[in-house]
Amino acid sequence: MADPMRQSIMEKVCDMPINAKQISAHLNIPVTKLYYHLNMMEEYGLIKVVGTRLVSGILEKQYQSSAYTFLINRSLFDFSKGRSKQA
């Protein structure tokens, strides 16, 4: 969630189901760039697929946030106290 792109995606999927093409239009970025982030966010349970439909032979997924609230411990991102990024 430290990535600004993922934060922007989360803002779009929190209210209602939305597909990658719609997210791309809202964020003004290529849809192909979104798939990496969407797949990673889905893999880690931040978003979920809530619907699918077949459009011209391609499976279109509708995404939505998997929770209403996420609590993130900010200290995990604090590298100034002698912690390495690997920690």
PDB file of N, CA and C in Angstrom:
ATOM      1  N   MET A   1       0.810  -1.203   0.000  1.00  0.00           N
ATOM      2  CA  MET A   1       0.000   0.000   0.000  1.00  0.00           C
ATOM      3  C   MET A   1       0.849   1.262   0.000  1.00  0.00           C
ATOM      4  N   ALA A   2       2.164   1.126   0.121  1.00  0.00           N
ATOM      5  CA  ALA A   2       3.025   2.305   0.116  1.00  0.00           C
ATOM      6  C   ALA A   2       3.114   2.934  -1.270  1.00  0.00           C
ATOM      7  N   ASP A   3       2.777   2.195  -2.297  1.00  0.00           N
ATOM      8  CA  ASP A   3       2.853   2.692  -3.667  1.00  0.00           C
ATOM      9  C   ASP A   3       1.687   3.653  -3.942  1.00  0.00           C
ATOM     10  N   PRO A   4       1.963   4.872  -4.409  1.00  0.00           N
ATOM     11  CA  PRO A   4       0.901   5.842  -4.691  1.00  0.00           C
ATOM     12  C   PRO A   4      -0.129   5.338  -5.715  1.00  0.00           C
ATOM     13  N   MET A   5       0.320   4.526  -6.665  1.00  0.00           N
ATOM     14  CA  MET A   5      -0.602   3.974  -7.668  1.00  0.00           C
ATOM     15  C   MET A   5      -1.655   3.096  -6.980  1.00  0.00           C
ATOM     16  N   ARG A   6      -1.212   2.257  -6.050  1.00  0.00           N
ATOM     17  CA  ARG A   6      -2.144   1.365  -5.351  1.00  0.00           C
ATOM     18  C   ARG A   6      -3.092   2.153  -4.460  1.00  0.00           C
ATOM     19  N   GLN A   7      -2.619   3.224  -3.894  1.00  0.00           N
ATOM     20  CA  GLN A   7      -3.495   4.068  -3.081  1.00  0.00           C
ATOM     21  C   GLN A   7      -4.585   4.692  -3.955  1.00  0.00           C
ATOM     22  N   SER A   8      -4.207   5.133  -5.151  1.00  0.00           N
ATOM     23  CA  SER A   8      -5.191   5.705  -6.081  1.00  0.00           C
ATOM     24  C   SER A   8      -6.200   4.659  -6.523  1.00  0.00           C
ATOM     25  N   ILE A   9      -5.730   3.451  -6.764  1.00  0.00           N
ATOM     26  CA  ILE A   9      -6.632   2.364  -7.155  1.00  0.00           C
ATOM     27  C   ILE A   9      -7.616   2.081  -6.023  1.00  0.00           C
ATOM     28  N   MET A  10      -7.118   2.038  -4.792  1.00  0.00           N
ATOM     29  CA  MET A  10      -7.990   1.765  -3.644  1.00  0.00           C
ATOM     30  C   MET A  10      -9.093   2.804  -3.518  1.00  0.00           C
ATOM     31  N   GLU A  11      -8.777   4.055  -3.823  1.00  0.00           N
ATOM     32  CA  GLU A  11      -9.787   5.115  -3.768  1.00  0.00           C
ATOM     33  C   GLU A  11     -10.912   4.853  -4.766  1.00  0.00           C
ATOM     34  N   LYS A  12     -10.583   4.253  -5.902  1.00  0.00           N
ATOM     35  CA  LYS A  12     -11.583   4.000  -6.943  1.00  0.00           C
ATOM     36  C   LYS A  12     -12.434   2.757  -6.674  1.00  0.00           C
ATOM     37  N   VAL A  13     -11.858   1.754  -6.024  1.00  0.00           N
ATOM     38  CA  VAL A  13     -12.587   0.494  -5.833  1.00  0.00           C
ATOM     39  C   VAL A  13     -13.323   0.424  -4.500  1.00  0.00           C
ATOM     40  N   CYS A  14     -13.224   1.465  -3.681  1.00  0.00           N
ATOM     41  CA  CYS A  14     -13.828   1.377  -2.348  1.00  0.00           C
ATOM     42  C   CYS A  14     -15.339   1.584  -2.361  1.00  0.00           C
ATOM     43  N   ASP A  15     -15.874   2.349  -3.277  1.00  0.00           N
ATOM     44  CA  ASP A  15     -17.302   2.666  -3.255  1.00  0.00           C
ATOM     45  C   ASP A  15     -18.191   1.671  -3.984  1.00  0.00           C
ATOM     46  N   MET A  16     -17.772   1.278  -5.172  1.00  0.00           N
ATOM     47  CA  MET A  16     -18.605   0.390  -5.982  1.00  0.00           C
ATOM     48  C   MET A  16     -17.729  -0.437  -6.905  1.00  0.00           C
ATOM     49  N   PRO A  17     -18.254  -1.540  -7.420  1.00  0.00           N
ATOM     50  CA  PRO A  17     -17.464  -2.362  -8.349  1.00  0.00           C
ATOM     51  C   PRO A  17     -17.076  -1.561  -9.592  1.00  0.00           C
ATOM     52  N   ILE A  18     -15.852  -1.780 -10.046  1.00  0.00           N
ATOM     53  CA  ILE A  18     -15.331  -1.042 -11.191  1.00  0.00           C
ATOM     54  C   ILE A  18     -14.326  -1.933 -11.926  1.00  0.00           C
ATOM     55  N   ASN A  19     -14.270  -1.826 -13.239  1.00  0.00           N
ATOM     56  CA  ASN A  19     -13.333  -2.663 -13.995  1.00  0.00           C
ATOM     57  C   ASN A  19     -12.054  -1.892 -14.304  1.00  0.00           C
ATOM     58  N   ALA A  20     -11.055  -2.596 -14.807  1.00  0.00           N
ATOM     59  CA  ALA A  20      -9.736  -2.006 -15.070  1.00  0.00           C
ATOM     60  C   ALA A  20      -9.820  -0.867 -16.078  1.00  0.00           C
ATOM     61  N   LYS A  21     -10.666  -1.003 -17.082  1.00  0.00           N
ATOM     62  CA  LYS A  21     -10.790   0.046 -18.094  1.00  0.00           C
ATOM     63  C   LYS A  21     -11.342   1.338 -17.478  1.00  0.00           C
ATOM     64  N   GLN A  22     -12.287   1.215 -16.561  1.00  0.00           N
ATOM     65  CA  GLN A  22     -12.843   2.389 -15.895  1.00  0.00           C
ATOM     66  C   GLN A  22     -11.816   3.038 -14.964  1.00  0.00           C
ATOM     67  N   ILE A  23     -11.073   2.207 -14.246  1.00  0.00           N
ATOM     68  CA  ILE A  23     -10.021   2.730 -13.370  1.00  0.00           C
ATOM     69  C   ILE A  23      -8.985   3.475 -14.205  1.00  0.00           C
ATOM     70  N   SER A  24      -8.622   2.896 -15.329  1.00  0.00           N
ATOM     71  CA  SER A  24      -7.656   3.505 -16.239  1.00  0.00           C
ATOM     72  C   SER A  24      -8.125   4.885 -16.694  1.00  0.00           C
ATOM     73  N   ALA A  25      -9.389   5.000 -17.019  1.00  0.00           N
ATOM     74  CA  ALA A  25      -9.942   6.279 -17.470  1.00  0.00           C
ATOM     75  C   ALA A  25      -9.931   7.313 -16.344  1.00  0.00           C
ATOM     76  N   HIS A  26     -10.271   6.894 -15.126  1.00  0.00           N
ATOM     77  CA  HIS A  26     -10.279   7.811 -13.976  1.00  0.00           C
ATOM     78  C   HIS A  26      -8.879   8.301 -13.623  1.00  0.00           C
ATOM     79  N   LEU A  27      -7.901   7.412 -13.711  1.00  0.00           N
ATOM     80  CA  LEU A  27      -6.534   7.746 -13.306  1.00  0.00           C
ATOM     81  C   LEU A  27      -5.671   8.248 -14.460  1.00  0.00           C
ATOM     82  N   ASN A  28      -6.207   8.159 -15.675  1.00  0.00           N
ATOM     83  CA  ASN A  28      -5.511   8.617 -16.878  1.00  0.00           C
ATOM     84  C   ASN A  28      -4.160   7.915 -17.064  1.00  0.00           C
ATOM     85  N   ILE A  29      -4.184   6.584 -16.933  1.00  0.00           N
ATOM     86  CA  ILE A  29      -2.986   5.767 -17.167  1.00  0.00           C
ATOM     87  C   ILE A  29      -3.383   4.579 -18.036  1.00  0.00           C
ATOM     88  N   PRO A  30      -2.435   3.980 -18.748  1.00  0.00           N
ATOM     89  CA  PRO A  30      -2.757   2.835 -19.603  1.00  0.00           C
ATOM     90  C   PRO A  30      -3.278   1.648 -18.769  1.00  0.00           C
ATOM     91  N   VAL A  31      -4.279   0.984 -19.290  1.00  0.00           N
ATOM     92  CA  VAL A  31      -4.867  -0.153 -18.576  1.00  0.00           C
ATOM     93  C   VAL A  31      -3.850  -1.269 -18.364  1.00  0.00           C
ATOM     94  N   THR A  32      -2.919  -1.415 -19.293  1.00  0.00           N
ATOM     95  CA  THR A  32      -1.911  -2.472 -19.158  1.00  0.00           C
ATOM     96  C   THR A  32      -1.030  -2.253 -17.930  1.00  0.00           C
ATOM     97  N   LYS A  33      -0.810  -1.001 -17.560  1.00  0.00           N
ATOM     98  CA  LYS A  33      -0.011  -0.687 -16.379  1.00  0.00           C
ATOM     99  C   LYS A  33      -0.755  -1.056 -15.088  1.00  0.00           C
ATOM    100  N   LEU A  34      -2.071  -1.057 -15.143  1.00  0.00           N
ATOM    101  CA  LEU A  34      -2.880  -1.367 -13.957  1.00  0.00           C
ATOM    102  C   LEU A  34      -2.880  -2.848 -13.593  1.00  0.00           C
ATOM    103  N   TYR A  35      -2.792  -3.711 -14.570  1.00  0.00           N
ATOM    104  CA  TYR A  35      -2.955  -5.141 -14.307  1.00  0.00           C
ATOM    105  C   TYR A  35      -1.944  -5.679 -13.296  1.00  0.00           C
ATOM    106  N   TYR A  36      -0.719  -5.204 -13.343  1.00  0.00           N
ATOM    107  CA  TYR A  36       0.283  -5.643 -12.365  1.00  0.00           C
ATOM    108  C   TYR A  36      -0.195  -5.310 -10.948  1.00  0.00           C
ATOM    109  N   HIS A  37      -0.644  -4.089 -10.754  1.00  0.00           N
ATOM    110  CA  HIS A  37      -1.087  -3.642  -9.437  1.00  0.00           C
ATOM    111  C   HIS A  37      -2.368  -4.349  -9.006  1.00  0.00           C
ATOM    112  N   LEU A  38      -3.306  -4.484  -9.923  1.00  0.00           N
ATOM    113  CA  LEU A  38      -4.561  -5.157  -9.588  1.00  0.00           C
ATOM    114  C   LEU A  38      -4.324  -6.611  -9.195  1.00  0.00           C
ATOM    115  N   ASN A  39      -3.484  -7.298  -9.943  1.00  0.00           N
ATOM    116  CA  ASN A  39      -3.187  -8.699  -9.621  1.00  0.00           C
ATOM    117  C   ASN A  39      -2.508  -8.831  -8.265  1.00  0.00           C
ATOM    118  N   MET A  40      -1.575  -7.939  -7.979  1.00  0.00           N
ATOM    119  CA  MET A  40      -0.880  -7.986  -6.692  1.00  0.00           C
ATOM    120  C   MET A  40      -1.851  -7.681  -5.545  1.00  0.00           C
ATOM    121  N   MET A  41      -2.687  -6.679  -5.715  1.00  0.00           N
ATOM    122  CA  MET A  41      -3.648  -6.309  -4.681  1.00  0.00           C
ATOM    123  C   MET A  41      -4.674  -7.418  -4.448  1.00  0.00           C
ATOM    124  N   GLU A  42      -5.053  -8.096  -5.510  1.00  0.00           N
ATOM    125  CA  GLU A  42      -5.974  -9.224  -5.381  1.00  0.00           C
ATOM    126  C   GLU A  42      -5.285 -10.394  -4.664  1.00  0.00           C
ATOM    127  N   GLU A  43      -4.050 -10.664  -5.023  1.00  0.00           N
ATOM    128  CA  GLU A  43      -3.297 -11.763  -4.417  1.00  0.00           C
ATOM    129  C   GLU A  43      -3.161 -11.588  -2.900  1.00  0.00           C
ATOM    130  N   TYR A  44      -2.960 -10.349  -2.455  1.00  0.00           N
ATOM    131  CA  TYR A  44      -2.769 -10.081  -1.031  1.00  0.00           C
ATOM    132  C   TYR A  44      -4.076  -9.742  -0.301  1.00  0.00           C
ATOM    133  N   GLY A  45      -5.205  -9.869  -0.993  1.00  0.00           N
ATOM    134  CA  GLY A  45      -6.493  -9.723  -0.331  1.00  0.00           C
ATOM    135  C   GLY A  45      -6.962  -8.303  -0.094  1.00  0.00           C
ATOM    136  N   LEU A  46      -6.358  -7.332  -0.758  1.00  0.00           N
ATOM    137  CA  LEU A  46      -6.788  -5.951  -0.588  1.00  0.00           C
ATOM    138  C   LEU A  46      -8.031  -5.643  -1.411  1.00  0.00           C
ATOM    139  N   ILE A  47      -8.130  -6.274  -2.571  1.00  0.00           N
ATOM    140  CA  ILE A  47      -9.314  -6.138  -3.414  1.00  0.00           C
ATOM    141  C   ILE A  47      -9.796  -7.532  -3.790  1.00  0.00           C
ATOM    142  N   LYS A  48     -11.032  -7.606  -4.253  1.00  0.00           N
ATOM    143  CA  LYS A  48     -11.572  -8.892  -4.692  1.00  0.00           C
ATOM    144  C   LYS A  48     -12.370  -8.699  -5.974  1.00  0.00           C
ATOM    145  N   VAL A  49     -12.494  -9.776  -6.719  1.00  0.00           N
ATOM    146  CA  VAL A  49     -13.310  -9.771  -7.930  1.00  0.00           C
ATOM    147  C   VAL A  49     -14.739 -10.052  -7.498  1.00  0.00           C
ATOM    148  N   VAL A  50     -15.646  -9.126  -7.810  1.00  0.00           N
ATOM    149  CA  VAL A  50     -17.037  -9.278  -7.391  1.00  0.00           C
ATOM    150  C   VAL A  50     -17.967  -9.583  -8.560  1.00  0.00           C
ATOM    151  N   GLY A  51     -17.423  -9.561  -9.768  1.00  0.00           N
ATOM    152  CA  GLY A  51     -18.226  -9.891 -10.932  1.00  0.00           C
ATOM    153  C   GLY A  51     -17.351 -10.040 -12.158  1.00  0.00           C
ATOM    154  N   THR A  52     -17.847 -10.808 -13.109  1.00  0.00           N
ATOM    155  CA  THR A  52     -17.147 -10.977 -14.380  1.00  0.00           C
ATOM    156  C   THR A  52     -18.168 -10.963 -15.505  1.00  0.00           C
ATOM    157  N   ARG A  53     -17.705 -10.625 -16.694  1.00  0.00           N
ATOM    158  CA  ARG A  53     -18.541 -10.734 -17.890  1.00  0.00           C
ATOM    159  C   ARG A  53     -17.629 -10.902 -19.092  1.00  0.00           C
ATOM    160  N   LEU A  54     -18.139 -11.540 -20.110  1.00  0.00           N
ATOM    161  CA  LEU A  54     -17.384 -11.793 -21.324  1.00  0.00           C
ATOM    162  C   LEU A  54     -17.671 -10.674 -22.326  1.00  0.00           C
ATOM    163  N   VAL A  55     -16.618  -9.963 -22.726  1.00  0.00           N
ATOM    164  CA  VAL A  55     -16.744  -8.853 -23.673  1.00  0.00           C
ATOM    165  C   VAL A  55     -15.831  -9.152 -24.852  1.00  0.00           C
ATOM    166  N   SER A  56     -16.417  -9.422 -25.994  1.00  0.00           N
ATOM    167  CA  SER A  56     -15.663  -9.731 -27.215  1.00  0.00           C
ATOM    168  C   SER A  56     -14.640 -10.838 -26.986  1.00  0.00           C
ATOM    169  N   GLY A  57     -15.020 -11.851 -26.244  1.00  0.00           N
ATOM    170  CA  GLY A  57     -14.148 -12.989 -25.994  1.00  0.00           C
ATOM    171  C   GLY A  57     -13.123 -12.782 -24.895  1.00  0.00           C
ATOM    172  N   ILE A  58     -13.169 -11.638 -24.232  1.00  0.00           N
ATOM    173  CA  ILE A  58     -12.221 -11.331 -23.147  1.00  0.00           C
ATOM    174  C   ILE A  58     -12.992 -11.236 -21.841  1.00  0.00           C
ATOM    175  N   LEU A  59     -12.468 -11.875 -20.804  1.00  0.00           N
ATOM    176  CA  LEU A  59     -13.107 -11.848 -19.494  1.00  0.00           C
ATOM    177  C   LEU A  59     -12.813 -10.518 -18.809  1.00  0.00           C
ATOM    178  N   GLU A  60     -13.854  -9.757 -18.532  1.00  0.00           N
ATOM    179  CA  GLU A  60     -13.724  -8.469 -17.853  1.00  0.00           C
ATOM    180  C   GLU A  60     -14.092  -8.660 -16.389  1.00  0.00           C
ATOM    181  N   LYS A  61     -13.202  -8.267 -15.489  1.00  0.00           N
ATOM    182  CA  LYS A  61     -13.429  -8.426 -14.057  1.00  0.00           C
ATOM    183  C   LYS A  61     -13.854  -7.099 -13.433  1.00  0.00           C
ATOM    184  N   GLN A  62     -14.783  -7.194 -12.485  1.00  0.00           N
ATOM    185  CA  GLN A  62     -15.190  -6.046 -11.687  1.00  0.00           C
ATOM    186  C   GLN A  62     -14.519  -6.184 -10.324  1.00  0.00           C
ATOM    187  N   TYR A  63     -13.816  -5.145  -9.887  1.00  0.00           N
ATOM    188  CA  TYR A  63     -13.077  -5.178  -8.626  1.00  0.00           C
ATOM    189  C   TYR A  63     -13.753  -4.306  -7.587  1.00  0.00           C
ATOM    190  N   GLN A  64     -13.580  -4.705  -6.321  1.00  0.00           N
ATOM    191  CA  GLN A  64     -14.052  -3.895  -5.209  1.00  0.00           C
ATOM    192  C   GLN A  64     -13.138  -4.148  -4.012  1.00  0.00           C
ATOM    193  N   SER A  65     -13.049  -3.179  -3.151  1.00  0.00           N
ATOM    194  CA  SER A  65     -12.236  -3.311  -1.943  1.00  0.00           C
ATOM    195  C   SER A  65     -12.757  -4.480  -1.115  1.00  0.00           C
ATOM    196  N   SER A  66     -11.857  -5.216  -0.486  1.00  0.00           N
ATOM    197  CA  SER A  66     -12.269  -6.374   0.301  1.00  0.00           C
ATOM    198  C   SER A  66     -12.632  -5.992   1.731  1.00  0.00           C
ATOM    199  N   ALA A  67     -12.428  -4.736   2.115  1.00  0.00           N
ATOM    200  CA  ALA A  67     -12.768  -4.273   3.461  1.00  0.00           C
ATOM    201  C   ALA A  67     -13.149  -2.793   3.400  1.00  0.00           C
ATOM    202  N   TYR A  68     -13.901  -2.355   4.382  1.00  0.00           N
ATOM    203  CA  TYR A  68     -14.261  -0.938   4.458  1.00  0.00           C
ATOM    204  C   TYR A  68     -13.109  -0.103   5.004  1.00  0.00           C
ATOM    205  N   THR A  69     -12.295  -0.707   5.869  1.00  0.00           N
ATOM    206  CA  THR A  69     -11.200   0.006   6.513  1.00  0.00           C
ATOM    207  C   THR A  69      -9.962  -0.872   6.557  1.00  0.00           C
ATOM    208  N   PHE A  70      -8.829  -0.277   6.295  1.00  0.00           N
ATOM    209  CA  PHE A  70      -7.541  -0.952   6.434  1.00  0.00           C
ATOM    210  C   PHE A  70      -6.719  -0.153   7.431  1.00  0.00           C
ATOM    211  N   LEU A  71      -6.212  -0.819   8.431  1.00  0.00           N
ATOM    212  CA  LEU A  71      -5.329  -0.175   9.397  1.00  0.00           C
ATOM    213  C   LEU A  71      -3.901  -0.582   9.077  1.00  0.00           C
ATOM    214  N   ILE A  72      -3.078   0.404   8.803  1.00  0.00           N
ATOM    215  CA  ILE A  72      -1.694   0.142   8.421  1.00  0.00           C
ATOM    216  C   ILE A  72      -0.790   0.745   9.481  1.00  0.00           C
ATOM    217  N   ASN A  73       0.097  -0.060  10.016  1.00  0.00           N
ATOM    218  CA  ASN A  73       1.052   0.400  10.999  1.00  0.00           C
ATOM    219  C   ASN A  73       2.130   1.193  10.274  1.00  0.00           C
ATOM    220  N   ARG A  74       2.126   2.497  10.451  1.00  0.00           N
ATOM    221  CA  ARG A  74       3.054   3.389   9.744  1.00  0.00           C
ATOM    222  C   ARG A  74       4.516   3.095  10.073  1.00  0.00           C
ATOM    223  N   SER A  75       4.777   2.495  11.224  1.00  0.00           N
ATOM    224  CA  SER A  75       6.163   2.195  11.589  1.00  0.00           C
ATOM    225  C   SER A  75       6.789   1.173  10.641  1.00  0.00           C
ATOM    226  N   LEU A  76       5.974   0.425   9.930  1.00  0.00           N
ATOM    227  CA  LEU A  76       6.507  -0.514   8.951  1.00  0.00           C
ATOM    228  C   LEU A  76       7.219   0.199   7.806  1.00  0.00           C
ATOM    229  N   PHE A  77       6.896   1.475   7.601  1.00  0.00           N
ATOM    230  CA  PHE A  77       7.471   2.248   6.510  1.00  0.00           C
ATOM    231  C   PHE A  77       8.522   3.246   6.995  1.00  0.00           C
ATOM    232  N   ASP A  78       8.883   3.177   8.257  1.00  0.00           N
ATOM    233  CA  ASP A  78       9.855   4.099   8.826  1.00  0.00           C
ATOM    234  C   ASP A  78      11.241   3.460   8.791  1.00  0.00           C
ATOM    235  N   PHE A  79      12.066   3.902   7.859  1.00  0.00           N
ATOM    236  CA  PHE A  79      13.393   3.333   7.683  1.00  0.00           C
ATOM    237  C   PHE A  79      14.474   4.212   8.319  1.00  0.00           C
ATOM    238  N   SER A  80      14.071   5.271   8.999  1.00  0.00           N
ATOM    239  CA  SER A  80      15.037   6.221   9.536  1.00  0.00           C
ATOM    240  C   SER A  80      15.668   5.761  10.854  1.00  0.00           C
ATOM    241  N   LYS A  81      15.116   4.790  11.512  1.00  0.00           N
ATOM    242  CA  LYS A  81      15.606   4.366  12.821  1.00  0.00           C
ATOM    243  C   LYS A  81      16.558   3.178  12.725  1.00  0.00           C
ATOM    244  N   GLY A  82      17.369   3.173  11.693  1.00  0.00           N
ATOM    245  CA  GLY A  82      18.362   2.110  11.548  1.00  0.00           C
ATOM    246  C   GLY A  82      17.773   0.815  11.002  1.00  0.00           C
ATOM    247  N   ARG A  83      16.526   0.830  10.624  1.00  0.00           N
ATOM    248  CA  ARG A  83      15.913  -0.373  10.060  1.00  0.00           C
ATOM    249  C   ARG A  83      16.217  -0.429   8.572  1.00  0.00           C
ATOM    250  N   SER A  84      16.390  -1.608   8.093  1.00  0.00           N
ATOM    251  CA  SER A  84      16.603  -1.761   6.662  1.00  0.00           C
ATOM    252  C   SER A  84      15.264  -1.966   5.987  1.00  0.00           C
ATOM    253  N   LYS A  85      15.210  -1.784   4.685  1.00  0.00           N
ATOM    254  CA  LYS A  85      13.975  -2.029   3.950  1.00  0.00           C
ATOM    255  C   LYS A  85      13.578  -3.486   4.012  1.00  0.00           C
ATOM    256  N   GLN A  86      14.545  -4.361   4.160  1.00  0.00           N
ATOM    257  CA  GLN A  86      14.250  -5.788   4.223  1.00  0.00           C
ATOM    258  C   GLN A  86      13.516  -6.149   5.515  1.00  0.00           C
ATOM    259  N   ALA A  87      13.801  -5.439   6.602  1.00  0.00           N
ATOM    260  CA  ALA A  87      13.142  -5.717   7.870  1.00  0.00           C
ATOM    261  C   ALA A  87      11.670  -5.448   7.738  1.00  0.00           C
TER     262      ALA A  87
END
